[in-house]
Amino acid sequence: MTYKVKWRDDLIDQLFAGILALRDREECYRFFEDVATIGEIKALSQRLEVARMIRAGHTYDRIVERTGVSTATISRVKRYLEYGSDGYKIILDRLEEAGELLHTEDD
């Protein structure tokens, strides 16, 4: 079954096809450096870390301390973890399977 999303269109399909065509981490760095600001890339990486830390049972205070994000961002990520489309779950599970998931000293 194909996942249905209201904001899907040909341009976004092309973008995602391009991302999926990247062959390694270096190509990802090169593409994302050209397509997004460093701030946007860092914000995405912080949100993923927030999701990982929420799943690991960390407190909001610890998440703020590690990532620097606001509690509003933490709440938003938590809401998507609980009620979203399982995008965070897919990525975190695959990173864990590949041994690529970061851990903090108190995980």
C-alpha atoms as a PDB file:
ATOM      1  CA  MET A   1       0.000   0.000   0.000  1.00  0.00           C
ATOM      2  CA  THR A   2       1.330   3.434  -0.934  1.00  0.00           C
ATOM      3  CA  TYR A   3       1.509   6.019   1.812  1.00  0.00           C
ATOM      4  CA  LYS A   4      -0.871   8.890   1.003  1.00  0.00           C
ATOM      5  CA  VAL A   5       0.145  12.454   1.817  1.00  0.00           C
ATOM      6  CA  LYS A   6      -1.765  15.611   0.920  1.00  0.00           C
ATOM      7  CA  TRP A   7       1.300  17.706   0.094  1.00  0.00           C
ATOM      8  CA  ARG A   8       2.815  15.188  -2.319  1.00  0.00           C
ATOM      9  CA  ASP A   9       3.604  16.477  -5.800  1.00  0.00           C
ATOM     10  CA  ASP A  10       5.963  15.844  -8.738  1.00  0.00           C
ATOM     11  CA  LEU A  11       8.651  18.256  -7.507  1.00  0.00           C
ATOM     12  CA  ILE A  12       8.788  16.673  -4.051  1.00  0.00           C
ATOM     13  CA  ASP A  13       8.835  13.205  -5.635  1.00  0.00           C
ATOM     14  CA  GLN A  14      11.821  14.340  -7.708  1.00  0.00           C
ATOM     15  CA  LEU A  15      13.590  15.695  -4.604  1.00  0.00           C
ATOM     16  CA  PHE A  16      13.075  12.460  -2.683  1.00  0.00           C
ATOM     17  CA  ALA A  17      14.177  10.372  -5.669  1.00  0.00           C
ATOM     18  CA  GLY A  18      17.331  12.465  -5.773  1.00  0.00           C
ATOM     19  CA  ILE A  19      17.980  11.946  -2.071  1.00  0.00           C
ATOM     20  CA  LEU A  20      17.461   8.208  -2.453  1.00  0.00           C
ATOM     21  CA  ALA A  21      19.939   8.229  -5.370  1.00  0.00           C
ATOM     22  CA  LEU A  22      22.765   9.522  -3.159  1.00  0.00           C
ATOM     23  CA  ARG A  23      25.299   6.738  -2.727  1.00  0.00           C
ATOM     24  CA  ASP A  24      27.109   7.586   0.498  1.00  0.00           C
ATOM     25  CA  ARG A  25      27.483  10.016   3.370  1.00  0.00           C
ATOM     26  CA  GLU A  26      29.889  12.268   1.454  1.00  0.00           C
ATOM     27  CA  GLU A  27      27.347  12.689  -1.353  1.00  0.00           C
ATOM     28  CA  CYS A  28      24.719  13.529   1.289  1.00  0.00           C
ATOM     29  CA  TYR A  29      26.957  16.223   2.742  1.00  0.00           C
ATOM     30  CA  ARG A  30      27.599  17.661  -0.712  1.00  0.00           C
ATOM     31  CA  PHE A  31      23.933  17.700  -1.721  1.00  0.00           C
ATOM     32  CA  PHE A  32      22.557  19.057   1.547  1.00  0.00           C
ATOM     33  CA  GLU A  33      25.231  21.757   1.710  1.00  0.00           C
ATOM     34  CA  ASP A  34      24.012  22.959  -1.691  1.00  0.00           C
ATOM     35  CA  VAL A  35      20.268  22.631  -1.057  1.00  0.00           C
ATOM     36  CA  ALA A  36      19.880  23.809   2.561  1.00  0.00           C
ATOM     37  CA  THR A  37      21.487  26.191   4.993  1.00  0.00           C
ATOM     38  CA  ILE A  38      23.731  24.820   7.701  1.00  0.00           C
ATOM     39  CA  GLY A  39      21.125  26.008  10.220  1.00  0.00           C
ATOM     40  CA  GLU A  40      18.378  24.012   8.492  1.00  0.00           C
ATOM     41  CA  ILE A  41      20.533  20.887   8.407  1.00  0.00           C
ATOM     42  CA  LYS A  42      21.442  21.291  12.077  1.00  0.00           C
ATOM     43  CA  ALA A  43      17.773  21.792  12.998  1.00  0.00           C
ATOM     44  CA  LEU A  44      16.854  18.528  11.251  1.00  0.00           C
ATOM     45  CA  SER A  45      19.669  16.672  13.002  1.00  0.00           C
ATOM     46  CA  GLN A  46      18.607  18.118  16.360  1.00  0.00           C
ATOM     47  CA  ARG A  47      15.025  16.944  15.847  1.00  0.00           C
ATOM     48  CA  LEU A  48      16.232  13.440  15.079  1.00  0.00           C
ATOM     49  CA  GLU A  49      18.349  13.478  18.247  1.00  0.00           C
ATOM     50  CA  VAL A  50      15.338  14.717  20.233  1.00  0.00           C
ATOM     51  CA  ALA A  51      13.318  11.779  18.898  1.00  0.00           C
ATOM     52  CA  ARG A  52      16.100   9.352  19.816  1.00  0.00           C
ATOM     53  CA  MET A  53      16.370  10.785  23.319  1.00  0.00           C
ATOM     54  CA  ILE A  54      12.603  10.712  23.874  1.00  0.00           C
ATOM     55  CA  ARG A  55      12.557   7.039  22.870  1.00  0.00           C
ATOM     56  CA  ALA A  56      15.449   6.415  25.263  1.00  0.00           C
ATOM     57  CA  GLY A  57      13.412   7.947  28.106  1.00  0.00           C
ATOM     58  CA  HIS A  58      15.356  11.163  28.679  1.00  0.00           C
ATOM     59  CA  THR A  59      13.771  14.115  30.455  1.00  0.00           C
ATOM     60  CA  TYR A  60      13.017  17.378  28.694  1.00  0.00           C
ATOM     61  CA  ASP A  61      15.750  19.068  30.757  1.00  0.00           C
ATOM     62  CA  ARG A  62      18.358  16.571  29.586  1.00  0.00           C
ATOM     63  CA  ILE A  63      17.204  16.883  25.966  1.00  0.00           C
ATOM     64  CA  VAL A  64      17.426  20.694  26.123  1.00  0.00           C
ATOM     65  CA  GLU A  65      20.887  20.417  27.696  1.00  0.00           C
ATOM     66  CA  ARG A  66      22.179  18.088  24.961  1.00  0.00           C
ATOM     67  CA  THR A  67      20.499  19.578  21.892  1.00  0.00           C
ATOM     68  CA  GLY A  68      19.746  23.197  22.733  1.00  0.00           C
ATOM     69  CA  VAL A  69      16.234  22.960  21.299  1.00  0.00           C
ATOM     70  CA  SER A  70      13.206  24.540  22.945  1.00  0.00           C
ATOM     71  CA  THR A  71      10.692  22.570  24.970  1.00  0.00           C
ATOM     72  CA  ALA A  72       8.157  23.440  22.251  1.00  0.00           C
ATOM     73  CA  THR A  73      10.324  21.573  19.716  1.00  0.00           C
ATOM     74  CA  ILE A  74      10.597  18.613  22.083  1.00  0.00           C
ATOM     75  CA  SER A  75       6.799  18.561  22.506  1.00  0.00           C
ATOM     76  CA  ARG A  76       6.304  18.717  18.738  1.00  0.00           C
ATOM     77  CA  VAL A  77       8.711  15.843  18.119  1.00  0.00           C
ATOM     78  CA  LYS A  78       7.082  13.827  20.897  1.00  0.00           C
ATOM     79  CA  ARG A  79       3.668  14.399  19.329  1.00  0.00           C
ATOM     80  CA  TYR A  80       4.941  13.143  15.955  1.00  0.00           C
ATOM     81  CA  LEU A  81       6.529  10.121  17.620  1.00  0.00           C
ATOM     82  CA  GLU A  82       3.205   9.258  19.213  1.00  0.00           C
ATOM     83  CA  TYR A  83       0.711  10.300  16.531  1.00  0.00           C
ATOM     84  CA  GLY A  84       2.697  10.923  13.345  1.00  0.00           C
ATOM     85  CA  SER A  85       3.446   8.805  10.294  1.00  0.00           C
ATOM     86  CA  ASP A  86       6.218   6.712  11.938  1.00  0.00           C
ATOM     87  CA  GLY A  87       8.943   8.527   9.989  1.00  0.00           C
ATOM     88  CA  TYR A  88      11.104   8.976  13.079  1.00  0.00           C
ATOM     89  CA  LYS A  89      10.534   5.336  14.047  1.00  0.00           C
ATOM     90  CA  ILE A  90      11.627   4.087  10.623  1.00  0.00           C
ATOM     91  CA  ILE A  91      14.839   6.108  10.674  1.00  0.00           C
ATOM     92  CA  LEU A  92      15.710   5.373  14.299  1.00  0.00           C
ATOM     93  CA  ASP A  93      15.066   1.640  13.890  1.00  0.00           C
ATOM     94  CA  ARG A  94      17.234   1.490  10.768  1.00  0.00           C
ATOM     95  CA  LEU A  95      20.027   3.503  12.352  1.00  0.00           C
ATOM     96  CA  GLU A  96      19.936   1.168  15.327  1.00  0.00           C
ATOM     97  CA  GLU A  97      20.040  -1.918  13.080  1.00  0.00           C
ATOM     98  CA  ALA A  98      23.048  -0.457  11.234  1.00  0.00           C
ATOM     99  CA  GLY A  99      24.856   0.437  14.459  1.00  0.00           C
ATOM    100  CA  GLU A 100      24.722   4.134  13.503  1.00  0.00           C
ATOM    101  CA  LEU A 101      22.516   5.363  16.352  1.00  0.00           C
ATOM    102  CA  LEU A 102      24.246   7.771  18.723  1.00  0.00           C
ATOM    103  CA  HIS A 103      24.057   7.232  22.453  1.00  0.00           C
ATOM    104  CA  THR A 104      24.713   9.557  25.355  1.00  0.00           C
ATOM    105  CA  GLU A 105      26.557   8.532  28.480  1.00  0.00           C
ATOM    106  CA  ASP A 106      23.258   8.176  30.352  1.00  0.00           C
ATOM    107  CA  ASP A 107      21.410   5.997  27.822  1.00  0.00           C
END
